[in-house]
Amino acid sequence: MRLDKYLKVSRIIKRRTVAKEACDGGRVSINGKVAKAGAEVKEGDVLEIRFGARLGRYQITDVREVVRKESAAEMYRVLEEDEETLRQRQ
């Protein structure tokens, strides 16, 4: 599945256009490498998303085309959601 679509379906990012812009802006990486919106994701991949001073790291646990809103959070495991970590790295 494409990265931008996964971010939307899993509801990590609410809209696909915003997900695409984040990817194309170099703010999303898969397994430590900057990824474009069309990059393929699979179970076990680790996503890192940077928005301003916020950093989120997520491990993909499931890849599905369609999912109910209530079940979307089951598609990933939160490894880190922090503002301080990003500040320390800079």
N, C-alpha and C. Protein backbone atom coordinates (compact mmCIF):
# COMPACT_ATOMS: atom_id res chain seq x y z
N MET A 1 0.85 -1.18 0.00
CA MET A 1 0.00 0.00 0.00
C MET A 1 0.90 1.24 0.00
N ARG A 2 0.45 2.26 -0.71
CA ARG A 2 1.19 3.54 -0.74
C ARG A 2 1.23 4.17 0.66
N LEU A 3 2.31 4.83 0.96
CA LEU A 3 2.50 5.47 2.27
C LEU A 3 1.41 6.50 2.56
N ASP A 4 1.12 7.39 1.61
CA ASP A 4 0.11 8.42 1.87
C ASP A 4 -1.26 7.81 2.14
N LYS A 5 -1.60 6.75 1.43
CA LYS A 5 -2.89 6.09 1.66
C LYS A 5 -2.92 5.41 3.04
N TYR A 6 -1.80 4.77 3.42
CA TYR A 6 -1.74 4.13 4.73
C TYR A 6 -1.93 5.15 5.85
N LEU A 7 -1.27 6.29 5.73
CA LEU A 7 -1.40 7.33 6.77
C LEU A 7 -2.84 7.79 6.91
N LYS A 8 -3.57 7.87 5.80
CA LYS A 8 -4.97 8.28 5.83
C LYS A 8 -5.87 7.17 6.39
N VAL A 9 -5.71 5.94 5.87
CA VAL A 9 -6.55 4.82 6.32
C VAL A 9 -6.36 4.55 7.81
N SER A 10 -5.11 4.63 8.28
CA SER A 10 -4.83 4.37 9.70
C SER A 10 -5.19 5.56 10.58
N ARG A 11 -5.47 6.69 9.94
CA ARG A 11 -5.85 7.93 10.61
C ARG A 11 -4.72 8.52 11.47
N ILE A 12 -3.48 8.19 11.12
CA ILE A 12 -2.35 8.89 11.73
C ILE A 12 -2.39 10.34 11.26
N ILE A 13 -2.67 10.51 9.96
CA ILE A 13 -2.94 11.82 9.37
C ILE A 13 -4.33 11.75 8.76
N LYS A 14 -5.17 12.73 9.07
CA LYS A 14 -6.58 12.64 8.72
C LYS A 14 -6.90 12.71 7.23
N ARG A 15 -6.14 13.49 6.45
CA ARG A 15 -6.46 13.64 5.03
C ARG A 15 -5.29 13.21 4.17
N ARG A 16 -5.59 12.57 3.05
CA ARG A 16 -4.55 12.04 2.18
C ARG A 16 -3.71 13.16 1.55
N THR A 17 -4.32 14.28 1.23
CA THR A 17 -3.55 15.38 0.65
C THR A 17 -2.52 15.91 1.65
N VAL A 18 -2.90 15.98 2.92
CA VAL A 18 -1.97 16.43 3.96
C VAL A 18 -0.85 15.39 4.11
N ALA A 19 -1.21 14.11 4.05
CA ALA A 19 -0.20 13.04 4.14
C ALA A 19 0.77 13.13 2.97
N LYS A 20 0.25 13.37 1.77
CA LYS A 20 1.11 13.49 0.58
C LYS A 20 2.05 14.68 0.70
N GLU A 21 1.54 15.81 1.18
CA GLU A 21 2.38 16.99 1.35
C GLU A 21 3.48 16.75 2.39
N ALA A 22 3.14 16.05 3.47
CA ALA A 22 4.14 15.74 4.50
C ALA A 22 5.23 14.84 3.93
N CYS A 23 4.83 13.85 3.15
CA CYS A 23 5.80 12.93 2.54
C CYS A 23 6.70 13.67 1.55
N ASP A 24 6.08 14.44 0.67
CA ASP A 24 6.85 15.15 -0.36
C ASP A 24 7.73 16.25 0.24
N GLY A 25 7.38 16.70 1.44
CA GLY A 25 8.19 17.71 2.12
C GLY A 25 9.33 17.12 2.92
N GLY A 26 9.50 15.80 2.87
CA GLY A 26 10.62 15.15 3.56
C GLY A 26 10.42 14.99 5.05
N ARG A 27 9.17 15.06 5.52
CA ARG A 27 8.91 14.96 6.96
C ARG A 27 8.52 13.55 7.41
N VAL A 28 8.48 12.59 6.47
CA VAL A 28 8.11 11.22 6.82
C VAL A 28 9.22 10.29 6.37
N SER A 29 9.60 9.37 7.25
CA SER A 29 10.61 8.38 6.87
C SER A 29 10.13 6.99 7.23
N ILE A 30 10.59 6.02 6.45
CA ILE A 30 10.30 4.61 6.70
C ILE A 30 11.62 3.93 7.01
N ASN A 31 11.70 3.31 8.16
CA ASN A 31 12.91 2.60 8.60
C ASN A 31 14.16 3.47 8.46
N GLY A 32 14.03 4.74 8.82
CA GLY A 32 15.17 5.64 8.84
C GLY A 32 15.50 6.33 7.53
N LYS A 33 14.76 6.04 6.47
CA LYS A 33 15.02 6.66 5.16
C LYS A 33 13.84 7.54 4.78
N VAL A 34 14.12 8.76 4.32
CA VAL A 34 13.07 9.68 3.90
C VAL A 34 12.28 9.02 2.78
N ALA A 35 10.94 9.08 2.88
CA ALA A 35 10.08 8.38 1.93
C ALA A 35 9.13 9.33 1.22
N LYS A 36 8.90 9.07 -0.04
CA LYS A 36 7.92 9.81 -0.83
C LYS A 36 6.54 9.19 -0.62
N ALA A 37 5.51 9.90 -1.06
CA ALA A 37 4.12 9.46 -0.87
C ALA A 37 3.84 8.10 -1.50
N GLY A 38 4.51 7.78 -2.59
CA GLY A 38 4.25 6.53 -3.30
C GLY A 38 5.03 5.33 -2.78
N ALA A 39 5.83 5.51 -1.75
CA ALA A 39 6.61 4.40 -1.19
C ALA A 39 5.68 3.33 -0.63
N GLU A 40 6.06 2.08 -0.82
CA GLU A 40 5.25 0.98 -0.32
C GLU A 40 5.56 0.71 1.16
N VAL A 41 4.50 0.47 1.94
CA VAL A 41 4.67 0.13 3.35
C VAL A 41 4.24 -1.31 3.56
N LYS A 42 4.82 -1.94 4.58
CA LYS A 42 4.45 -3.31 4.92
C LYS A 42 4.52 -3.48 6.44
N GLU A 43 3.95 -4.57 6.92
CA GLU A 43 3.97 -4.83 8.35
C GLU A 43 5.40 -4.89 8.86
N GLY A 44 5.63 -4.30 10.02
CA GLY A 44 6.95 -4.29 10.63
C GLY A 44 7.74 -3.02 10.35
N ASP A 45 7.35 -2.25 9.34
CA ASP A 45 8.04 -0.99 9.05
C ASP A 45 7.85 0.00 10.19
N VAL A 46 8.84 0.85 10.40
CA VAL A 46 8.75 1.90 11.41
C VAL A 46 8.67 3.25 10.70
N LEU A 47 7.59 3.97 10.98
CA LEU A 47 7.37 5.30 10.40
C LEU A 47 7.80 6.36 11.39
N GLU A 48 8.44 7.40 10.89
CA GLU A 48 8.79 8.55 11.72
C GLU A 48 8.23 9.79 11.02
N ILE A 49 7.38 10.54 11.75
CA ILE A 49 6.71 11.70 11.17
C ILE A 49 7.05 12.92 12.01
N ARG A 50 7.49 14.00 11.33
CA ARG A 50 7.85 15.24 12.00
C ARG A 50 6.92 16.35 11.53
N PHE A 51 6.22 16.96 12.48
CA PHE A 51 5.38 18.12 12.21
C PHE A 51 5.77 19.21 13.18
N GLY A 52 6.47 20.21 12.71
CA GLY A 52 6.92 21.28 13.60
C GLY A 52 7.83 20.73 14.68
N ALA A 53 7.45 20.96 15.93
CA ALA A 53 8.25 20.47 17.06
C ALA A 53 7.79 19.10 17.53
N ARG A 54 6.88 18.49 16.81
CA ARG A 54 6.31 17.20 17.22
C ARG A 54 6.94 16.06 16.43
N LEU A 55 7.25 14.99 17.11
CA LEU A 55 7.82 13.80 16.49
C LEU A 55 6.96 12.60 16.85
N GLY A 56 6.62 11.79 15.86
CA GLY A 56 5.85 10.57 16.11
C GLY A 56 6.55 9.40 15.46
N ARG A 57 6.72 8.31 16.20
CA ARG A 57 7.29 7.08 15.66
C ARG A 57 6.27 5.97 15.85
N TYR A 58 5.97 5.25 14.77
CA TYR A 58 4.94 4.23 14.78
C TYR A 58 5.44 2.97 14.07
N GLN A 59 5.09 1.81 14.61
CA GLN A 59 5.41 0.55 13.94
C GLN A 59 4.13 0.03 13.31
N ILE A 60 4.20 -0.31 12.04
CA ILE A 60 3.02 -0.81 11.32
C ILE A 60 2.77 -2.25 11.74
N THR A 61 1.56 -2.52 12.23
CA THR A 61 1.20 -3.87 12.64
C THR A 61 0.22 -4.53 11.68
N ASP A 62 -0.45 -3.73 10.84
CA ASP A 62 -1.44 -4.27 9.92
C ASP A 62 -1.59 -3.33 8.73
N VAL A 63 -1.78 -3.89 7.55
CA VAL A 63 -2.01 -3.09 6.35
C VAL A 63 -3.32 -3.56 5.73
N ARG A 64 -4.33 -2.69 5.78
CA ARG A 64 -5.65 -3.00 5.20
C ARG A 64 -6.12 -1.83 4.36
N GLU A 65 -6.83 -2.13 3.28
CA GLU A 65 -7.34 -1.09 2.38
C GLU A 65 -8.48 -0.30 3.02
N VAL A 66 -9.34 -0.99 3.76
CA VAL A 66 -10.51 -0.35 4.37
C VAL A 66 -10.57 -0.77 5.84
N VAL A 67 -10.85 0.21 6.69
CA VAL A 67 -10.95 -0.08 8.12
C VAL A 67 -11.93 0.90 8.76
N ARG A 68 -12.66 0.43 9.73
CA ARG A 68 -13.58 1.31 10.45
C ARG A 68 -12.79 2.26 11.34
N LYS A 69 -13.37 3.40 11.61
CA LYS A 69 -12.71 4.42 12.43
C LYS A 69 -12.28 3.86 13.78
N GLU A 70 -13.15 3.04 14.37
CA GLU A 70 -12.87 2.49 15.70
C GLU A 70 -11.68 1.53 15.69
N SER A 71 -11.40 0.91 14.55
CA SER A 71 -10.33 -0.09 14.46
C SER A 71 -9.04 0.46 13.88
N ALA A 72 -9.03 1.71 13.46
CA ALA A 72 -7.87 2.28 12.79
C ALA A 72 -6.62 2.24 13.66
N ALA A 73 -6.76 2.47 14.94
CA ALA A 73 -5.60 2.50 15.85
C ALA A 73 -4.94 1.12 15.99
N GLU A 74 -5.62 0.06 15.58
CA GLU A 74 -5.04 -1.29 15.66
C GLU A 74 -4.06 -1.55 14.51
N MET A 75 -3.98 -0.63 13.55
CA MET A 75 -3.10 -0.82 12.40
C MET A 75 -1.64 -0.45 12.70
N TYR A 76 -1.40 0.18 13.84
CA TYR A 76 -0.05 0.59 14.20
C TYR A 76 0.13 0.58 15.71
N ARG A 77 1.41 0.57 16.11
CA ARG A 77 1.76 0.65 17.53
C ARG A 77 2.58 1.91 17.71
N VAL A 78 2.21 2.71 18.68
CA VAL A 78 2.93 3.96 18.94
C VAL A 78 4.23 3.62 19.67
N LEU A 79 5.34 4.00 19.06
CA LEU A 79 6.65 3.81 19.69
C LEU A 79 7.05 5.05 20.46
N GLU A 80 6.66 6.22 19.90
CA GLU A 80 7.05 7.48 20.52
C GLU A 80 6.19 8.60 19.93
N GLU A 81 5.67 9.44 20.80
CA GLU A 81 4.99 10.66 20.38
C GLU A 81 5.47 11.74 21.34
N ASP A 82 6.34 12.61 20.83
CA ASP A 82 7.01 13.51 21.75
C ASP A 82 7.41 14.81 21.07
N GLU A 83 7.38 15.89 21.81
CA GLU A 83 7.88 17.16 21.31
C GLU A 83 9.32 17.37 21.76
N GLU A 84 9.66 16.89 22.94
CA GLU A 84 11.00 17.09 23.49
C GLU A 84 12.07 16.37 22.70
N THR A 85 11.79 15.15 22.23
CA THR A 85 12.78 14.37 21.50
C THR A 85 13.27 15.13 20.29
N LEU A 86 12.36 15.75 19.55
CA LEU A 86 12.74 16.49 18.36
C LEU A 86 13.60 17.69 18.74
N ARG A 87 13.26 18.37 19.81
CA ARG A 87 14.05 19.53 20.24
C ARG A 87 15.48 19.11 20.60
N GLN A 88 15.63 17.95 21.26
CA GLN A 88 16.95 17.47 21.67
C GLN A 88 17.80 17.09 20.47
N ARG A 89 17.21 16.60 19.39
CA ARG A 89 17.94 16.19 18.20
C ARG A 89 18.46 17.37 17.41
N GLN A 90 17.85 18.53 17.57
CA GLN A 90 18.25 19.70 16.79
C GLN A 90 19.39 20.41 17.38
